[in-house]
Amino acid sequence: MNRLNQSFVNTVRATGGNNGRRNLIVNTYRADPGKQTITAFQLPEDSVDSHLAVEVHVYIPGDFIMGESKAAWTDANATQVENAFKVLADRFVTAGIPVVVGEWGGDQDHAASEGDLVQLADCYMAQAAKYGFATFWWACLMDRKEMKWILPNVRDAIISGSKN
């Protein structure tokens, strides 16, 4: 993955024009946020200073998107999220590398209630604000056919948290 990221940066920069200084995002292996993966990650060499960011996908706790039963939010869940964000911040933010959490979230099939998803969103957005991460909720917020919000309270929690 490190070689692919380096090839990506080299290829984009070589095309010229605005690509010579465009901000680029590179992923860890499998977009994994785990400590072992991010330790093995190497930021590509770049001809432009401070124009690379790292993207990961964080589905912690996993029960909210792929569990076998309905998950309720707990203090232990919040601790898991806080620890995951701290590991990312310690590895990347301290080195001046921006972090994008390109996927995170949960859905009604796996969460006990919309309120539990609101707590998940509140926790993620608080950690994102704390460390300056950009985030993208990935799952089931809107019915795209009907153009209707499925989880309006989660949407509101994300918007409110983004203002921090």
N, C-alpha and C. Protein backbone atom coordinates (compact mmCIF):
# COMPACT_ATOMS: atom_id res chain seq x y z
N MET A 1 0.83 -1.19 0.00
CA MET A 1 0.00 0.00 0.00
C MET A 1 0.87 1.25 0.00
N ASN A 2 1.96 1.21 0.73
CA ASN A 2 2.86 2.36 0.75
C ASN A 2 3.39 2.65 -0.65
N ARG A 3 3.73 1.59 -1.39
CA ARG A 3 4.23 1.78 -2.77
C ARG A 3 3.13 2.33 -3.68
N LEU A 4 1.90 1.84 -3.51
CA LEU A 4 0.79 2.35 -4.31
C LEU A 4 0.53 3.82 -4.01
N ASN A 5 0.58 4.20 -2.74
CA ASN A 5 0.39 5.60 -2.38
C ASN A 5 1.47 6.48 -3.00
N GLN A 6 2.72 6.00 -2.98
CA GLN A 6 3.82 6.77 -3.57
C GLN A 6 3.62 6.91 -5.08
N SER A 7 3.21 5.83 -5.73
CA SER A 7 2.95 5.86 -7.17
C SER A 7 1.80 6.83 -7.49
N PHE A 8 0.76 6.83 -6.67
CA PHE A 8 -0.36 7.74 -6.85
C PHE A 8 0.12 9.20 -6.79
N VAL A 9 0.87 9.54 -5.75
CA VAL A 9 1.35 10.92 -5.60
C VAL A 9 2.24 11.30 -6.78
N ASN A 10 3.15 10.43 -7.15
CA ASN A 10 4.05 10.72 -8.28
C ASN A 10 3.28 10.92 -9.58
N THR A 11 2.29 10.07 -9.81
CA THR A 11 1.50 10.14 -11.04
C THR A 11 0.70 11.44 -11.11
N VAL A 12 0.02 11.79 -10.03
CA VAL A 12 -0.78 13.01 -10.03
C VAL A 12 0.12 14.23 -10.22
N ARG A 13 1.22 14.28 -9.49
CA ARG A 13 2.11 15.45 -9.59
C ARG A 13 2.69 15.58 -10.99
N ALA A 14 2.95 14.46 -11.64
CA ALA A 14 3.57 14.49 -12.97
C ALA A 14 2.64 14.98 -14.07
N THR A 15 1.34 15.02 -13.81
CA THR A 15 0.41 15.45 -14.85
C THR A 15 0.40 16.96 -15.05
N GLY A 16 1.00 17.69 -14.10
CA GLY A 16 1.14 19.14 -14.26
C GLY A 16 -0.12 19.91 -13.92
N GLY A 17 -0.11 21.16 -14.34
CA GLY A 17 -1.25 22.04 -14.04
C GLY A 17 -1.47 22.15 -12.54
N ASN A 18 -2.72 22.27 -12.16
CA ASN A 18 -3.06 22.36 -10.74
C ASN A 18 -2.70 21.10 -9.96
N ASN A 19 -2.53 19.99 -10.67
CA ASN A 19 -2.17 18.74 -10.00
C ASN A 19 -0.78 18.80 -9.37
N GLY A 20 0.01 19.74 -9.81
CA GLY A 20 1.35 19.89 -9.25
C GLY A 20 1.34 20.37 -7.81
N ARG A 21 0.21 20.93 -7.36
CA ARG A 21 0.13 21.42 -5.98
C ARG A 21 -1.20 21.09 -5.30
N ARG A 22 -1.97 20.26 -5.93
CA ARG A 22 -3.28 19.84 -5.40
C ARG A 22 -3.12 19.09 -4.08
N ASN A 23 -4.07 19.27 -3.16
CA ASN A 23 -4.11 18.45 -1.96
C ASN A 23 -4.49 17.03 -2.35
N LEU A 24 -3.79 16.06 -1.80
CA LEU A 24 -4.06 14.65 -2.09
C LEU A 24 -4.32 13.89 -0.80
N ILE A 25 -5.16 12.87 -0.90
CA ILE A 25 -5.46 12.02 0.24
C ILE A 25 -4.99 10.60 -0.08
N VAL A 26 -4.26 10.02 0.87
CA VAL A 26 -3.79 8.64 0.73
C VAL A 26 -4.37 7.82 1.89
N ASN A 27 -4.62 6.55 1.62
CA ASN A 27 -5.20 5.66 2.61
C ASN A 27 -4.15 4.77 3.26
N THR A 28 -4.46 4.37 4.48
CA THR A 28 -3.70 3.29 5.10
C THR A 28 -4.15 1.99 4.43
N TYR A 29 -3.45 0.92 4.69
CA TYR A 29 -3.85 -0.39 4.16
C TYR A 29 -5.27 -0.70 4.61
N ARG A 30 -6.16 -1.00 3.66
CA ARG A 30 -7.58 -1.27 3.90
C ARG A 30 -8.29 -0.10 4.57
N ALA A 31 -7.68 1.08 4.56
CA ALA A 31 -8.22 2.25 5.27
C ALA A 31 -8.39 1.95 6.76
N ASP A 32 -7.60 1.02 7.25
CA ASP A 32 -7.68 0.57 8.64
C ASP A 32 -7.07 1.59 9.58
N PRO A 33 -7.77 1.90 10.70
CA PRO A 33 -7.25 2.85 11.68
C PRO A 33 -6.46 2.19 12.81
N GLY A 34 -6.27 0.88 12.74
CA GLY A 34 -5.61 0.17 13.83
C GLY A 34 -4.16 0.56 14.01
N LYS A 35 -3.70 0.44 15.24
CA LYS A 35 -2.35 0.89 15.59
C LYS A 35 -1.27 0.19 14.75
N GLN A 36 -1.40 -1.10 14.53
CA GLN A 36 -0.40 -1.83 13.75
C GLN A 36 -0.36 -1.31 12.31
N THR A 37 -1.52 -1.09 11.74
CA THR A 37 -1.58 -0.60 10.35
C THR A 37 -1.02 0.81 10.23
N ILE A 38 -1.40 1.69 11.13
CA ILE A 38 -0.91 3.06 10.98
C ILE A 38 0.56 3.19 11.35
N THR A 39 1.06 2.26 12.14
CA THR A 39 2.49 2.26 12.43
C THR A 39 3.28 1.89 11.18
N ALA A 40 2.75 0.94 10.40
CA ALA A 40 3.42 0.50 9.17
C ALA A 40 3.25 1.49 8.02
N PHE A 41 2.29 2.39 8.14
CA PHE A 41 2.02 3.37 7.08
C PHE A 41 3.19 4.33 6.94
N GLN A 42 3.55 4.63 5.68
CA GLN A 42 4.57 5.64 5.39
C GLN A 42 3.94 6.71 4.51
N LEU A 43 4.01 7.94 4.96
CA LEU A 43 3.52 9.04 4.14
C LEU A 43 4.41 9.13 2.90
N PRO A 44 3.82 9.19 1.71
CA PRO A 44 4.64 9.28 0.50
C PRO A 44 5.50 10.55 0.49
N GLU A 45 6.61 10.46 -0.19
CA GLU A 45 7.41 11.67 -0.44
C GLU A 45 6.64 12.49 -1.45
N ASP A 46 6.70 13.81 -1.28
CA ASP A 46 5.93 14.68 -2.15
C ASP A 46 6.79 15.88 -2.53
N SER A 47 6.59 16.37 -3.74
CA SER A 47 7.34 17.53 -4.21
C SER A 47 6.76 18.83 -3.65
N VAL A 48 5.61 18.75 -3.00
CA VAL A 48 4.95 19.91 -2.43
C VAL A 48 4.81 19.67 -0.92
N ASP A 49 5.21 20.64 -0.13
CA ASP A 49 5.09 20.50 1.32
C ASP A 49 3.64 20.67 1.78
N SER A 50 3.27 19.86 2.72
CA SER A 50 1.99 20.02 3.44
C SER A 50 0.76 19.95 2.54
N HIS A 51 0.76 19.06 1.56
CA HIS A 51 -0.41 18.89 0.70
C HIS A 51 -0.90 17.46 0.66
N LEU A 52 -0.55 16.67 1.69
CA LEU A 52 -1.03 15.29 1.78
C LEU A 52 -1.82 15.13 3.07
N ALA A 53 -2.89 14.34 2.99
CA ALA A 53 -3.68 13.96 4.16
C ALA A 53 -3.84 12.45 4.14
N VAL A 54 -4.16 11.88 5.29
CA VAL A 54 -4.36 10.44 5.42
C VAL A 54 -5.83 10.18 5.70
N GLU A 55 -6.37 9.15 5.02
CA GLU A 55 -7.76 8.76 5.24
C GLU A 55 -7.83 7.37 5.86
N VAL A 56 -8.75 7.23 6.80
CA VAL A 56 -9.07 5.94 7.39
C VAL A 56 -10.59 5.82 7.46
N HIS A 57 -11.06 4.59 7.67
CA HIS A 57 -12.47 4.33 7.91
C HIS A 57 -12.57 3.80 9.34
N VAL A 58 -13.46 4.37 10.12
CA VAL A 58 -13.56 3.98 11.53
C VAL A 58 -15.00 3.55 11.82
N TYR A 59 -15.18 2.27 12.05
CA TYR A 59 -16.48 1.74 12.45
C TYR A 59 -16.33 1.11 13.83
N ILE A 60 -16.12 1.99 14.80
CA ILE A 60 -15.97 1.57 16.19
C ILE A 60 -17.08 2.26 16.98
N PRO A 61 -17.86 1.53 17.72
CA PRO A 61 -17.92 0.07 17.82
C PRO A 61 -18.61 -0.53 16.60
N GLY A 62 -18.12 -1.65 16.14
CA GLY A 62 -18.62 -2.28 14.92
C GLY A 62 -20.07 -2.74 15.00
N ASP A 63 -20.58 -2.94 16.20
CA ASP A 63 -21.96 -3.42 16.34
C ASP A 63 -22.98 -2.48 15.75
N PHE A 64 -22.66 -1.21 15.60
CA PHE A 64 -23.63 -0.24 15.11
C PHE A 64 -23.78 -0.28 13.59
N ILE A 65 -22.94 -1.06 12.90
CA ILE A 65 -23.04 -1.15 11.45
C ILE A 65 -23.06 -2.60 10.97
N MET A 66 -22.56 -3.52 11.80
CA MET A 66 -22.51 -4.91 11.34
C MET A 66 -22.73 -5.93 12.46
N GLY A 67 -23.33 -5.52 13.54
CA GLY A 67 -23.58 -6.44 14.64
C GLY A 67 -24.74 -7.38 14.35
N GLU A 68 -24.83 -8.40 15.16
CA GLU A 68 -25.90 -9.38 14.97
C GLU A 68 -27.14 -9.07 15.78
N SER A 69 -27.03 -8.13 16.71
CA SER A 69 -28.19 -7.73 17.49
C SER A 69 -28.19 -6.20 17.59
N LYS A 70 -29.25 -5.66 18.11
CA LYS A 70 -29.39 -4.21 18.22
C LYS A 70 -28.45 -3.68 19.30
N ALA A 71 -27.57 -2.76 18.94
CA ALA A 71 -26.57 -2.23 19.85
C ALA A 71 -27.06 -0.96 20.54
N ALA A 72 -26.83 -0.88 21.83
CA ALA A 72 -27.12 0.33 22.60
C ALA A 72 -25.80 1.04 22.90
N TRP A 73 -25.84 2.36 22.95
CA TRP A 73 -24.65 3.16 23.22
C TRP A 73 -24.27 3.04 24.70
N THR A 74 -22.97 2.90 24.95
CA THR A 74 -22.49 2.78 26.33
C THR A 74 -21.26 3.67 26.53
N ASP A 75 -20.89 3.86 27.77
CA ASP A 75 -19.65 4.58 28.07
C ASP A 75 -18.44 3.84 27.50
N ALA A 76 -18.50 2.51 27.49
CA ALA A 76 -17.40 1.71 26.92
C ALA A 76 -17.25 2.00 25.43
N ASN A 77 -18.38 2.20 24.74
CA ASN A 77 -18.32 2.56 23.32
C ASN A 77 -17.60 3.87 23.13
N ALA A 78 -17.94 4.86 23.97
CA ALA A 78 -17.31 6.17 23.88
C ALA A 78 -15.81 6.06 24.11
N THR A 79 -15.42 5.24 25.05
CA THR A 79 -13.98 5.04 25.33
C THR A 79 -13.28 4.43 24.13
N GLN A 80 -13.92 3.48 23.45
CA GLN A 80 -13.33 2.87 22.25
C GLN A 80 -13.09 3.93 21.17
N VAL A 81 -14.09 4.77 20.95
CA VAL A 81 -13.97 5.82 19.92
C VAL A 81 -12.87 6.80 20.32
N GLU A 82 -12.88 7.24 21.55
CA GLU A 82 -11.87 8.18 22.04
C GLU A 82 -10.47 7.61 21.87
N ASN A 83 -10.29 6.34 22.21
CA ASN A 83 -8.97 5.70 22.08
C ASN A 83 -8.54 5.61 20.62
N ALA A 84 -9.47 5.27 19.73
CA ALA A 84 -9.14 5.17 18.31
C ALA A 84 -8.70 6.52 17.75
N PHE A 85 -9.42 7.57 18.10
CA PHE A 85 -9.06 8.90 17.61
C PHE A 85 -7.72 9.35 18.18
N LYS A 86 -7.46 9.02 19.43
CA LYS A 86 -6.19 9.40 20.04
C LYS A 86 -5.02 8.72 19.35
N VAL A 87 -5.16 7.45 19.01
CA VAL A 87 -4.10 6.74 18.29
C VAL A 87 -3.82 7.43 16.96
N LEU A 88 -4.86 7.80 16.24
CA LEU A 88 -4.68 8.50 14.96
C LEU A 88 -4.02 9.85 15.16
N ALA A 89 -4.47 10.58 16.17
CA ALA A 89 -3.88 11.90 16.43
C ALA A 89 -2.42 11.79 16.82
N ASP A 90 -2.11 10.82 17.68
CA ASP A 90 -0.72 10.65 18.11
C ASP A 90 0.19 10.31 16.94
N ARG A 91 -0.31 9.55 15.99
CA ARG A 91 0.52 9.13 14.85
C ARG A 91 0.59 10.22 13.77
N PHE A 92 -0.51 10.87 13.48
CA PHE A 92 -0.55 11.77 12.34
C PHE A 92 -0.60 13.26 12.71
N VAL A 93 -1.51 13.66 13.55
CA VAL A 93 -1.67 15.08 13.87
C VAL A 93 -0.39 15.63 14.48
N THR A 94 0.23 14.87 15.36
CA THR A 94 1.47 15.34 15.97
C THR A 94 2.58 15.52 14.95
N ALA A 95 2.46 14.84 13.80
CA ALA A 95 3.44 14.99 12.72
C ALA A 95 2.98 16.03 11.69
N GLY A 96 1.87 16.72 11.95
CA GLY A 96 1.39 17.74 11.03
C GLY A 96 0.65 17.19 9.83
N ILE A 97 0.15 15.96 9.93
CA ILE A 97 -0.55 15.31 8.81
C ILE A 97 -2.05 15.33 9.09
N PRO A 98 -2.84 15.97 8.23
CA PRO A 98 -4.29 15.99 8.43
C PRO A 98 -4.89 14.59 8.30
N VAL A 99 -5.98 14.36 9.02
CA VAL A 99 -6.67 13.08 9.01
C VAL A 99 -8.10 13.27 8.53
N VAL A 100 -8.53 12.38 7.64
CA VAL A 100 -9.91 12.34 7.17
C VAL A 100 -10.48 10.98 7.58
N VAL A 101 -11.56 11.00 8.34
CA VAL A 101 -12.29 9.77 8.63
C VAL A 101 -13.33 9.67 7.52
N GLY A 102 -12.97 8.96 6.47
CA GLY A 102 -13.75 8.94 5.25
C GLY A 102 -15.00 8.09 5.32
N GLU A 103 -15.10 7.23 6.31
CA GLU A 103 -16.31 6.46 6.55
C GLU A 103 -16.45 6.24 8.04
N TRP A 104 -17.66 6.44 8.53
CA TRP A 104 -18.04 6.08 9.88
C TRP A 104 -19.55 6.12 9.95
N GLY A 105 -20.13 5.53 10.98
CA GLY A 105 -21.57 5.63 11.13
C GLY A 105 -22.20 4.37 11.66
N GLY A 106 -23.50 4.31 11.50
CA GLY A 106 -24.30 3.19 11.94
C GLY A 106 -25.63 3.23 11.23
N ASP A 107 -26.48 2.24 11.48
CA ASP A 107 -27.79 2.23 10.83
C ASP A 107 -28.86 1.67 11.76
N GLN A 108 -30.10 1.85 11.36
CA GLN A 108 -31.24 1.44 12.18
C GLN A 108 -31.36 -0.07 12.30
N ASP A 109 -30.77 -0.82 11.39
CA ASP A 109 -30.83 -2.27 11.48
C ASP A 109 -29.97 -2.81 12.61
N HIS A 110 -28.99 -2.02 13.05
CA HIS A 110 -28.04 -2.51 14.05
C HIS A 110 -28.05 -1.74 15.36
N ALA A 111 -28.57 -0.53 15.36
CA ALA A 111 -28.62 0.27 16.58
C ALA A 111 -29.96 0.05 17.28
N ALA A 112 -29.93 0.11 18.61
CA ALA A 112 -31.16 -0.08 19.38
C ALA A 112 -32.18 1.01 19.09
N SER A 113 -31.69 2.23 18.84
CA SER A 113 -32.61 3.35 18.57
C SER A 113 -31.86 4.46 17.84
N GLU A 114 -32.63 5.40 17.31
CA GLU A 114 -32.01 6.57 16.71
C GLU A 114 -31.23 7.35 17.77
N GLY A 115 -31.72 7.35 19.00
CA GLY A 115 -31.01 8.02 20.10
C GLY A 115 -29.61 7.45 20.31
N ASP A 116 -29.46 6.14 20.14
CA ASP A 116 -28.13 5.54 20.26
C ASP A 116 -27.22 6.01 19.13
N LEU A 117 -27.79 6.16 17.94
CA LEU A 117 -27.01 6.68 16.81
C LEU A 117 -26.65 8.16 17.01
N VAL A 118 -27.54 8.91 17.64
CA VAL A 118 -27.24 10.31 17.96
C VAL A 118 -26.05 10.36 18.92
N GLN A 119 -26.02 9.48 19.91
CA GLN A 119 -24.89 9.46 20.85
C GLN A 119 -23.60 9.07 20.13
N LEU A 120 -23.69 8.13 19.20
CA LEU A 120 -22.54 7.76 18.38
C LEU A 120 -22.04 8.98 17.61
N ALA A 121 -22.97 9.68 16.96
CA ALA A 121 -22.60 10.87 16.18
C ALA A 121 -22.01 11.96 17.07
N ASP A 122 -22.62 12.19 18.22
CA ASP A 122 -22.09 13.19 19.16
C ASP A 122 -20.65 12.86 19.55
N CYS A 123 -20.40 11.60 19.84
CA CYS A 123 -19.05 11.19 20.27
C CYS A 123 -18.05 11.38 19.14
N TYR A 124 -18.39 10.91 17.94
CA TYR A 124 -17.47 11.05 16.81
C TYR A 124 -17.18 12.51 16.50
N MET A 125 -18.22 13.31 16.50
CA MET A 125 -18.03 14.72 16.16
C MET A 125 -17.23 15.45 17.24
N ALA A 126 -17.40 15.09 18.49
CA ALA A 126 -16.60 15.70 19.56
C ALA A 126 -15.13 15.35 19.39
N GLN A 127 -14.84 14.10 19.06
CA GLN A 127 -13.45 13.69 18.86
C GLN A 127 -12.87 14.33 17.60
N ALA A 128 -13.67 14.42 16.55
CA ALA A 128 -13.20 15.07 15.32
C ALA A 128 -12.86 16.52 15.58
N ALA A 129 -13.70 17.20 16.34
CA ALA A 129 -13.44 18.61 16.67
C ALA A 129 -12.19 18.73 17.54
N LYS A 130 -12.04 17.82 18.48
CA LYS A 130 -10.89 17.86 19.38
C LYS A 130 -9.58 17.77 18.62
N TYR A 131 -9.52 16.92 17.59
CA TYR A 131 -8.27 16.68 16.87
C TYR A 131 -8.20 17.35 15.50
N GLY A 132 -9.29 17.98 15.07
CA GLY A 132 -9.28 18.65 13.78
C GLY A 132 -9.44 17.72 12.59
N PHE A 133 -10.10 16.57 12.79
CA PHE A 133 -10.32 15.62 11.70
C PHE A 133 -11.53 16.03 10.88
N ALA A 134 -11.49 15.77 9.58
CA ALA A 134 -12.67 15.85 8.73
C ALA A 134 -13.34 14.48 8.78
N THR A 135 -14.68 14.44 8.72
CA THR A 135 -15.38 13.16 8.77
C THR A 135 -16.50 13.11 7.74
N PHE A 136 -16.87 11.87 7.37
CA PHE A 136 -17.98 11.62 6.47
C PHE A 136 -18.80 10.46 7.00
N TRP A 137 -20.03 10.75 7.46
CA TRP A 137 -20.95 9.68 7.86
C TRP A 137 -21.25 8.89 6.59
N TRP A 138 -21.21 7.57 6.66
CA TRP A 138 -21.28 6.78 5.45
C TRP A 138 -22.59 6.06 5.23
N ALA A 139 -23.39 5.83 6.26
CA ALA A 139 -24.49 4.88 6.08
C ALA A 139 -25.85 5.46 6.42
N CYS A 140 -26.79 5.29 5.52
CA CYS A 140 -28.22 5.32 5.81
C CYS A 140 -28.76 6.57 6.49
N LEU A 141 -28.36 7.73 6.08
CA LEU A 141 -28.93 8.96 6.64
C LEU A 141 -30.11 9.46 5.82
N MET A 142 -30.10 9.12 4.52
CA MET A 142 -31.11 9.68 3.64
C MET A 142 -31.64 8.61 2.69
N ASP A 143 -32.93 8.67 2.45
CA ASP A 143 -33.55 7.87 1.40
C ASP A 143 -33.35 8.66 0.11
N ARG A 144 -32.45 8.20 -0.72
CA ARG A 144 -32.08 8.97 -1.91
C ARG A 144 -33.16 8.96 -2.98
N LYS A 145 -34.02 7.95 -2.98
CA LYS A 145 -35.13 7.94 -3.93
C LYS A 145 -36.17 8.99 -3.57
N GLU A 146 -36.52 9.03 -2.30
CA GLU A 146 -37.55 9.94 -1.82
C GLU A 146 -36.98 11.31 -1.44
N MET A 147 -35.65 11.41 -1.38
CA MET A 147 -34.98 12.63 -0.94
C MET A 147 -35.52 13.07 0.42
N LYS A 148 -35.53 12.11 1.34
CA LYS A 148 -36.06 12.33 2.68
C LYS A 148 -35.04 11.83 3.70
N TRP A 149 -34.85 12.60 4.77
CA TRP A 149 -33.93 12.19 5.82
C TRP A 149 -34.54 11.02 6.59
N ILE A 150 -33.74 9.96 6.74
CA ILE A 150 -34.17 8.79 7.51
C ILE A 150 -33.88 9.00 8.99
N LEU A 151 -32.77 9.62 9.27
CA LEU A 151 -32.32 9.84 10.65
C LEU A 151 -32.06 11.34 10.88
N PRO A 152 -33.13 12.14 10.94
CA PRO A 152 -32.94 13.59 11.05
C PRO A 152 -32.21 14.01 12.33
N ASN A 153 -32.41 13.29 13.42
CA ASN A 153 -31.73 13.67 14.66
C ASN A 153 -30.23 13.39 14.58
N VAL A 154 -29.86 12.35 13.87
CA VAL A 154 -28.44 12.06 13.65
C VAL A 154 -27.85 13.15 12.76
N ARG A 155 -28.56 13.50 11.71
CA ARG A 155 -28.11 14.59 10.84
C ARG A 155 -27.86 15.86 11.66
N ASP A 156 -28.80 16.18 12.53
CA ASP A 156 -28.67 17.38 13.35
C ASP A 156 -27.46 17.30 14.29
N ALA A 157 -27.21 16.10 14.84
CA ALA A 157 -26.05 15.92 15.73
C ALA A 157 -24.75 16.12 14.96
N ILE A 158 -24.70 15.64 13.74
CA ILE A 158 -23.50 15.80 12.92
C ILE A 158 -23.29 17.29 12.59
N ILE A 159 -24.34 17.95 12.17
CA ILE A 159 -24.24 19.37 11.82
C ILE A 159 -23.84 20.19 13.05
N SER A 160 -24.49 19.91 14.17
CA SER A 160 -24.18 20.64 15.40
C SER A 160 -22.73 20.39 15.82
N GLY A 161 -22.28 19.15 15.73
CA GLY A 161 -20.90 18.82 16.10
C GLY A 161 -19.87 19.41 15.16
N SER A 162 -20.25 19.60 13.90
CA SER A 162 -19.31 20.15 12.93
C SER A 162 -19.02 21.62 13.19
N LYS A 163 -19.85 22.25 13.98
CA LYS A 163 -19.66 23.67 14.30
C LYS A 163 -18.65 23.86 15.43
N ASN A 164 -18.25 22.77 16.03
CA ASN A 164 -17.26 22.84 17.11
C ASN A 164 -15.90 22.96 16.49
